[in-house]
Amino acid sequence: GSEFDVETQADMLLLYWPKAKAEAEYLLAMLMAKLGVNTEIVVVGENRSGVKSIEKMFKEYGPVNKYDSARRCSFYWGNCLNEPKPFNQEEWFKSYTVTLGEQSLTVKSLPGVFSHGEFDLGSRLLL
């Protein structure tokens, strides 16, 4: 995972909606905290990816409206009118412990990583 920590003067954000809702929440919190009030946001994504969630998710920042939809995709535009909460990446990590024999390893992941916060069966079988 990464954090957007570059100084920028952007006043508009184009977000392609990810498939994982937790990743969308993470990206939105990080980017809005960095870009701040009066940032316009354009969100595009497949309907089956849950792009409609932007309507509820963006409420704390300001209004967002659906402007178009075609071929199973939607287009939203919004404007950040409220001061976003400060972003702390550490709050977004989930961790779990993997034990193999006498060795233990703590694994941390951010939203968007496959099986975020849990040791999935496929990985367990590989080890």
N, C-alpha and C. Protein backbone atom coordinates (compact mmCIF):
# COMPACT_ATOMS: atom_id res chain seq x y z
N GLY A 1 0.82 -1.18 0.00
CA GLY A 1 0.00 0.00 0.00
C GLY A 1 0.86 1.24 0.00
N SER A 2 0.25 2.32 -0.31
CA SER A 2 1.00 3.57 -0.34
C SER A 2 0.12 4.71 0.14
N GLU A 3 0.77 5.82 0.40
CA GLU A 3 0.08 7.01 0.85
C GLU A 3 0.41 8.16 -0.09
N PHE A 4 -0.58 8.93 -0.46
CA PHE A 4 -0.38 10.10 -1.30
C PHE A 4 0.13 11.22 -0.41
N ASP A 5 1.44 11.46 -0.45
CA ASP A 5 2.02 12.47 0.44
C ASP A 5 2.80 13.53 -0.33
N VAL A 6 2.48 13.71 -1.59
CA VAL A 6 3.15 14.70 -2.44
C VAL A 6 2.40 16.02 -2.33
N GLU A 7 3.14 17.12 -2.25
CA GLU A 7 2.50 18.44 -2.25
C GLU A 7 1.91 18.69 -3.63
N THR A 8 0.67 19.15 -3.67
CA THR A 8 0.02 19.40 -4.95
C THR A 8 -0.95 20.56 -4.83
N GLN A 9 -1.25 21.16 -5.95
CA GLN A 9 -2.20 22.27 -6.00
C GLN A 9 -3.46 21.86 -6.76
N ALA A 10 -3.74 20.59 -6.85
CA ALA A 10 -4.89 20.09 -7.61
C ALA A 10 -6.20 20.56 -7.00
N ASP A 11 -7.16 20.88 -7.85
CA ASP A 11 -8.48 21.26 -7.37
C ASP A 11 -9.57 20.32 -7.89
N MET A 12 -9.14 19.26 -8.58
CA MET A 12 -10.08 18.25 -9.07
C MET A 12 -9.43 16.88 -9.02
N LEU A 13 -10.24 15.90 -8.69
CA LEU A 13 -9.78 14.52 -8.55
C LEU A 13 -10.64 13.62 -9.44
N LEU A 14 -10.01 12.75 -10.20
CA LEU A 14 -10.71 11.73 -10.97
C LEU A 14 -10.41 10.40 -10.30
N LEU A 15 -11.45 9.74 -9.81
CA LEU A 15 -11.29 8.47 -9.10
C LEU A 15 -12.01 7.37 -9.87
N TYR A 16 -11.23 6.38 -10.31
CA TYR A 16 -11.83 5.18 -10.91
C TYR A 16 -12.16 4.24 -9.75
N TRP A 17 -13.43 3.96 -9.57
CA TRP A 17 -13.92 3.22 -8.41
C TRP A 17 -13.36 1.80 -8.39
N PRO A 18 -12.69 1.42 -7.30
CA PRO A 18 -12.14 0.05 -7.20
C PRO A 18 -13.23 -0.96 -6.86
N LYS A 19 -12.92 -2.23 -7.00
CA LYS A 19 -13.89 -3.29 -6.71
C LYS A 19 -14.11 -3.46 -5.21
N ALA A 20 -13.09 -3.20 -4.41
CA ALA A 20 -13.19 -3.38 -2.96
C ALA A 20 -13.68 -2.10 -2.29
N LYS A 21 -14.79 -2.20 -1.57
CA LYS A 21 -15.37 -1.03 -0.90
C LYS A 21 -14.39 -0.43 0.11
N ALA A 22 -13.67 -1.28 0.84
CA ALA A 22 -12.71 -0.79 1.83
C ALA A 22 -11.60 0.02 1.16
N GLU A 23 -11.19 -0.39 -0.04
CA GLU A 23 -10.17 0.36 -0.77
C GLU A 23 -10.72 1.71 -1.20
N ALA A 24 -11.97 1.76 -1.61
CA ALA A 24 -12.60 3.02 -2.00
C ALA A 24 -12.66 3.98 -0.81
N GLU A 25 -13.03 3.47 0.36
CA GLU A 25 -13.08 4.30 1.58
C GLU A 25 -11.69 4.84 1.92
N TYR A 26 -10.69 3.98 1.82
CA TYR A 26 -9.31 4.36 2.10
C TYR A 26 -8.84 5.45 1.14
N LEU A 27 -9.03 5.24 -0.15
CA LEU A 27 -8.60 6.22 -1.16
C LEU A 27 -9.30 7.56 -0.97
N LEU A 28 -10.60 7.51 -0.72
CA LEU A 28 -11.37 8.73 -0.54
C LEU A 28 -10.89 9.51 0.69
N ALA A 29 -10.70 8.82 1.81
CA ALA A 29 -10.24 9.47 3.03
C ALA A 29 -8.86 10.09 2.84
N MET A 30 -7.95 9.36 2.21
CA MET A 30 -6.59 9.84 1.99
C MET A 30 -6.57 11.03 1.05
N LEU A 31 -7.24 10.91 -0.08
CA LEU A 31 -7.19 11.97 -1.09
C LEU A 31 -7.94 13.22 -0.67
N MET A 32 -9.07 13.07 -0.02
CA MET A 32 -9.82 14.25 0.42
C MET A 32 -9.06 14.99 1.52
N ALA A 33 -8.41 14.25 2.43
CA ALA A 33 -7.62 14.89 3.48
C ALA A 33 -6.47 15.68 2.88
N LYS A 34 -5.89 15.16 1.83
CA LYS A 34 -4.75 15.82 1.17
C LYS A 34 -5.20 17.03 0.35
N LEU A 35 -6.29 16.89 -0.39
CA LEU A 35 -6.71 17.94 -1.31
C LEU A 35 -7.62 18.97 -0.66
N GLY A 36 -8.42 18.57 0.31
CA GLY A 36 -9.20 19.50 1.12
C GLY A 36 -10.45 20.11 0.50
N VAL A 37 -10.93 21.14 1.19
CA VAL A 37 -12.16 21.84 0.82
C VAL A 37 -12.04 22.45 -0.57
N ASN A 38 -13.15 22.50 -1.26
CA ASN A 38 -13.28 23.05 -2.62
C ASN A 38 -12.63 22.18 -3.69
N THR A 39 -12.37 20.93 -3.37
CA THR A 39 -11.88 19.99 -4.38
C THR A 39 -13.08 19.34 -5.05
N GLU A 40 -13.11 19.40 -6.36
CA GLU A 40 -14.15 18.71 -7.12
C GLU A 40 -13.70 17.26 -7.30
N ILE A 41 -14.67 16.36 -7.33
CA ILE A 41 -14.34 14.95 -7.53
C ILE A 41 -15.23 14.39 -8.64
N VAL A 42 -14.60 13.66 -9.54
CA VAL A 42 -15.30 12.93 -10.59
C VAL A 42 -15.05 11.46 -10.30
N VAL A 43 -16.11 10.69 -10.20
CA VAL A 43 -15.99 9.27 -9.91
C VAL A 43 -16.63 8.49 -11.06
N VAL A 44 -15.89 7.55 -11.59
CA VAL A 44 -16.41 6.67 -12.64
C VAL A 44 -16.16 5.23 -12.21
N GLY A 45 -17.07 4.35 -12.56
CA GLY A 45 -16.88 2.95 -12.22
C GLY A 45 -18.01 2.08 -12.69
N GLU A 46 -17.75 0.79 -12.65
CA GLU A 46 -18.75 -0.20 -13.04
C GLU A 46 -19.82 -0.30 -11.95
N ASN A 47 -21.05 -0.43 -12.36
CA ASN A 47 -22.14 -0.55 -11.39
C ASN A 47 -21.95 -1.77 -10.49
N ARG A 48 -21.45 -2.87 -11.05
CA ARG A 48 -21.27 -4.09 -10.25
C ARG A 48 -20.10 -3.97 -9.26
N SER A 49 -19.27 -2.94 -9.40
CA SER A 49 -18.18 -2.73 -8.45
C SER A 49 -18.66 -1.97 -7.21
N GLY A 50 -19.90 -1.51 -7.24
CA GLY A 50 -20.44 -0.80 -6.08
C GLY A 50 -20.24 0.69 -6.13
N VAL A 51 -20.06 1.26 -7.32
CA VAL A 51 -19.81 2.70 -7.46
C VAL A 51 -20.93 3.54 -6.84
N LYS A 52 -22.13 2.98 -6.76
CA LYS A 52 -23.24 3.72 -6.17
C LYS A 52 -22.97 4.06 -4.70
N SER A 53 -22.05 3.34 -4.06
CA SER A 53 -21.69 3.61 -2.67
C SER A 53 -21.14 5.02 -2.47
N ILE A 54 -20.65 5.65 -3.54
CA ILE A 54 -20.10 7.00 -3.42
C ILE A 54 -21.16 7.96 -2.89
N GLU A 55 -22.43 7.72 -3.20
CA GLU A 55 -23.51 8.60 -2.75
C GLU A 55 -23.54 8.70 -1.23
N LYS A 56 -23.40 7.60 -0.55
CA LYS A 56 -23.41 7.58 0.92
C LYS A 56 -22.03 7.95 1.48
N MET A 57 -20.99 7.42 0.87
CA MET A 57 -19.63 7.60 1.36
C MET A 57 -19.15 9.05 1.31
N PHE A 58 -19.62 9.81 0.34
CA PHE A 58 -19.13 11.18 0.15
C PHE A 58 -19.90 12.21 0.96
N LYS A 59 -21.01 11.81 1.60
CA LYS A 59 -21.87 12.75 2.32
C LYS A 59 -21.12 13.60 3.35
N GLU A 60 -20.14 13.02 4.03
CA GLU A 60 -19.42 13.79 5.04
C GLU A 60 -18.57 14.91 4.44
N TYR A 61 -18.29 14.82 3.15
CA TYR A 61 -17.47 15.84 2.48
C TYR A 61 -18.31 16.90 1.78
N GLY A 62 -19.44 16.50 1.24
CA GLY A 62 -20.28 17.43 0.50
C GLY A 62 -21.20 16.70 -0.46
N PRO A 63 -21.80 17.43 -1.39
CA PRO A 63 -22.74 16.81 -2.33
C PRO A 63 -22.04 16.03 -3.44
N VAL A 64 -22.69 14.98 -3.89
CA VAL A 64 -22.24 14.21 -5.05
C VAL A 64 -23.49 13.79 -5.82
N ASN A 65 -23.43 13.92 -7.13
CA ASN A 65 -24.59 13.60 -7.96
C ASN A 65 -24.20 12.70 -9.12
N LYS A 66 -25.12 11.83 -9.46
CA LYS A 66 -24.93 10.97 -10.62
C LYS A 66 -25.33 11.76 -11.86
N TYR A 67 -24.44 11.82 -12.84
CA TYR A 67 -24.71 12.58 -14.05
C TYR A 67 -24.99 11.72 -15.26
N ASP A 68 -24.48 10.51 -15.29
CA ASP A 68 -24.70 9.68 -16.46
C ASP A 68 -24.43 8.22 -16.12
N SER A 69 -25.02 7.35 -16.90
CA SER A 69 -24.72 5.93 -16.81
C SER A 69 -24.94 5.31 -18.18
N ALA A 70 -24.06 4.42 -18.53
CA ALA A 70 -24.15 3.72 -19.81
C ALA A 70 -23.28 2.48 -19.75
N ARG A 71 -23.71 1.45 -20.44
CA ARG A 71 -22.94 0.21 -20.54
C ARG A 71 -22.47 -0.31 -19.18
N ARG A 72 -23.39 -0.31 -18.23
CA ARG A 72 -23.14 -0.83 -16.88
C ARG A 72 -22.10 -0.04 -16.10
N CYS A 73 -21.91 1.23 -16.44
CA CYS A 73 -20.99 2.11 -15.72
C CYS A 73 -21.71 3.39 -15.33
N SER A 74 -21.20 4.08 -14.30
CA SER A 74 -21.80 5.33 -13.86
C SER A 74 -20.75 6.41 -13.71
N PHE A 75 -21.22 7.65 -13.81
CA PHE A 75 -20.37 8.85 -13.73
C PHE A 75 -20.97 9.77 -12.68
N TYR A 76 -20.18 10.12 -11.67
CA TYR A 76 -20.62 11.00 -10.59
C TYR A 76 -19.71 12.23 -10.53
N TRP A 77 -20.29 13.34 -10.07
CA TRP A 77 -19.51 14.56 -9.82
C TRP A 77 -19.90 15.07 -8.45
N GLY A 78 -18.90 15.51 -7.68
CA GLY A 78 -19.16 16.06 -6.35
C GLY A 78 -18.19 17.17 -6.03
N ASN A 79 -18.43 17.80 -4.88
CA ASN A 79 -17.59 18.90 -4.44
C ASN A 79 -17.39 18.80 -2.93
N CYS A 80 -16.16 18.85 -2.49
CA CYS A 80 -15.84 18.79 -1.06
C CYS A 80 -16.07 20.17 -0.45
N LEU A 81 -17.12 20.30 0.36
CA LEU A 81 -17.44 21.57 1.00
C LEU A 81 -17.09 21.58 2.48
N ASN A 82 -16.90 20.41 3.07
CA ASN A 82 -16.60 20.28 4.50
C ASN A 82 -15.14 19.88 4.71
N GLU A 83 -14.56 20.38 5.76
CA GLU A 83 -13.16 20.07 6.08
C GLU A 83 -13.01 18.57 6.36
N PRO A 84 -12.20 17.86 5.57
CA PRO A 84 -11.99 16.43 5.81
C PRO A 84 -11.21 16.17 7.10
N LYS A 85 -11.44 15.01 7.68
CA LYS A 85 -10.68 14.60 8.86
C LYS A 85 -9.22 14.38 8.46
N PRO A 86 -8.28 14.64 9.38
CA PRO A 86 -6.87 14.34 9.07
C PRO A 86 -6.72 12.84 8.78
N PHE A 87 -5.82 12.52 7.86
CA PHE A 87 -5.61 11.13 7.46
C PHE A 87 -4.42 10.55 8.19
N ASN A 88 -4.61 9.40 8.82
CA ASN A 88 -3.54 8.68 9.50
C ASN A 88 -3.51 7.26 8.93
N GLN A 89 -2.52 7.00 8.10
CA GLN A 89 -2.45 5.70 7.43
C GLN A 89 -2.40 4.53 8.41
N GLU A 90 -1.77 4.72 9.55
CA GLU A 90 -1.65 3.64 10.53
C GLU A 90 -3.02 3.10 10.97
N GLU A 91 -4.03 3.95 10.96
CA GLU A 91 -5.37 3.52 11.37
C GLU A 91 -6.01 2.56 10.37
N TRP A 92 -5.48 2.49 9.17
CA TRP A 92 -6.07 1.67 8.12
C TRP A 92 -5.45 0.28 8.01
N PHE A 93 -4.32 0.06 8.66
CA PHE A 93 -3.68 -1.26 8.62
C PHE A 93 -4.47 -2.27 9.43
N LYS A 94 -4.55 -3.48 8.93
CA LYS A 94 -5.05 -4.62 9.70
C LYS A 94 -3.90 -5.60 9.75
N SER A 95 -3.79 -6.31 10.86
CA SER A 95 -2.68 -7.26 10.99
C SER A 95 -3.18 -8.61 11.49
N TYR A 96 -2.39 -9.61 11.21
CA TYR A 96 -2.65 -10.96 11.69
C TYR A 96 -1.32 -11.68 11.81
N THR A 97 -1.30 -12.74 12.58
CA THR A 97 -0.07 -13.49 12.81
C THR A 97 -0.14 -14.83 12.07
N VAL A 98 0.95 -15.15 11.41
CA VAL A 98 1.09 -16.43 10.72
C VAL A 98 2.16 -17.21 11.47
N THR A 99 1.84 -18.44 11.87
CA THR A 99 2.79 -19.28 12.58
C THR A 99 3.09 -20.51 11.73
N LEU A 100 4.38 -20.73 11.49
CA LEU A 100 4.84 -21.91 10.76
C LEU A 100 5.89 -22.59 11.62
N GLY A 101 5.54 -23.73 12.16
CA GLY A 101 6.46 -24.40 13.07
C GLY A 101 6.66 -23.54 14.31
N GLU A 102 7.93 -23.18 14.56
CA GLU A 102 8.24 -22.34 15.72
C GLU A 102 8.38 -20.87 15.36
N GLN A 103 8.21 -20.54 14.10
CA GLN A 103 8.36 -19.15 13.62
C GLN A 103 6.99 -18.47 13.53
N SER A 104 6.95 -17.23 13.99
CA SER A 104 5.74 -16.42 13.87
C SER A 104 6.07 -15.15 13.10
N LEU A 105 5.14 -14.73 12.30
CA LEU A 105 5.32 -13.55 11.47
C LEU A 105 4.04 -12.71 11.55
N THR A 106 4.19 -11.42 11.81
CA THR A 106 3.04 -10.52 11.80
C THR A 106 2.94 -9.89 10.43
N VAL A 107 1.78 -10.03 9.83
CA VAL A 107 1.54 -9.49 8.49
C VAL A 107 0.56 -8.33 8.61
N LYS A 108 0.90 -7.21 7.97
CA LYS A 108 0.02 -6.04 7.95
C LYS A 108 -0.42 -5.79 6.51
N SER A 109 -1.66 -5.36 6.35
CA SER A 109 -2.14 -5.04 5.00
C SER A 109 -3.04 -3.81 5.05
N LEU A 110 -3.14 -3.17 3.90
CA LEU A 110 -4.02 -2.02 3.72
C LEU A 110 -5.20 -2.43 2.85
N PRO A 111 -6.29 -1.69 2.90
CA PRO A 111 -7.42 -1.99 2.02
C PRO A 111 -6.97 -2.05 0.56
N GLY A 112 -7.52 -3.00 -0.16
CA GLY A 112 -7.16 -3.20 -1.56
C GLY A 112 -6.26 -4.40 -1.76
N VAL A 113 -5.62 -4.86 -0.69
CA VAL A 113 -4.77 -6.04 -0.76
C VAL A 113 -5.67 -7.27 -0.66
N PHE A 114 -5.37 -8.28 -1.47
CA PHE A 114 -6.17 -9.50 -1.45
C PHE A 114 -6.24 -10.05 -0.03
N SER A 115 -7.43 -10.43 0.41
CA SER A 115 -7.67 -10.97 1.76
C SER A 115 -7.17 -10.02 2.84
N HIS A 116 -7.43 -8.75 2.66
CA HIS A 116 -7.01 -7.71 3.62
C HIS A 116 -7.39 -8.09 5.05
N GLY A 117 -6.38 -8.16 5.90
CA GLY A 117 -6.59 -8.40 7.32
C GLY A 117 -6.81 -9.84 7.73
N GLU A 118 -6.67 -10.76 6.81
CA GLU A 118 -6.87 -12.16 7.19
C GLU A 118 -5.95 -13.08 6.39
N PHE A 119 -5.66 -14.21 6.95
CA PHE A 119 -4.82 -15.22 6.32
C PHE A 119 -5.76 -16.18 5.60
N ASP A 120 -5.85 -16.05 4.28
CA ASP A 120 -6.82 -16.84 3.52
C ASP A 120 -6.36 -18.28 3.34
N LEU A 121 -7.30 -19.13 3.03
CA LEU A 121 -7.04 -20.56 2.90
C LEU A 121 -6.03 -20.87 1.80
N GLY A 122 -6.10 -20.17 0.67
CA GLY A 122 -5.17 -20.41 -0.43
C GLY A 122 -3.73 -20.13 -0.03
N SER A 123 -3.50 -19.03 0.68
CA SER A 123 -2.15 -18.70 1.15
C SER A 123 -1.68 -19.72 2.18
N ARG A 124 -2.60 -20.15 3.02
CA ARG A 124 -2.27 -21.16 4.04
C ARG A 124 -1.81 -22.46 3.37
N LEU A 125 -2.50 -22.86 2.31
CA LEU A 125 -2.13 -24.08 1.60
C LEU A 125 -0.77 -23.95 0.92
N LEU A 126 -0.46 -22.77 0.40
CA LEU A 126 0.84 -22.55 -0.25
C LEU A 126 2.00 -22.64 0.73
N LEU A 127 1.77 -22.21 1.96
CA LEU A 127 2.83 -22.25 2.96
C LEU A 127 2.89 -23.61 3.63
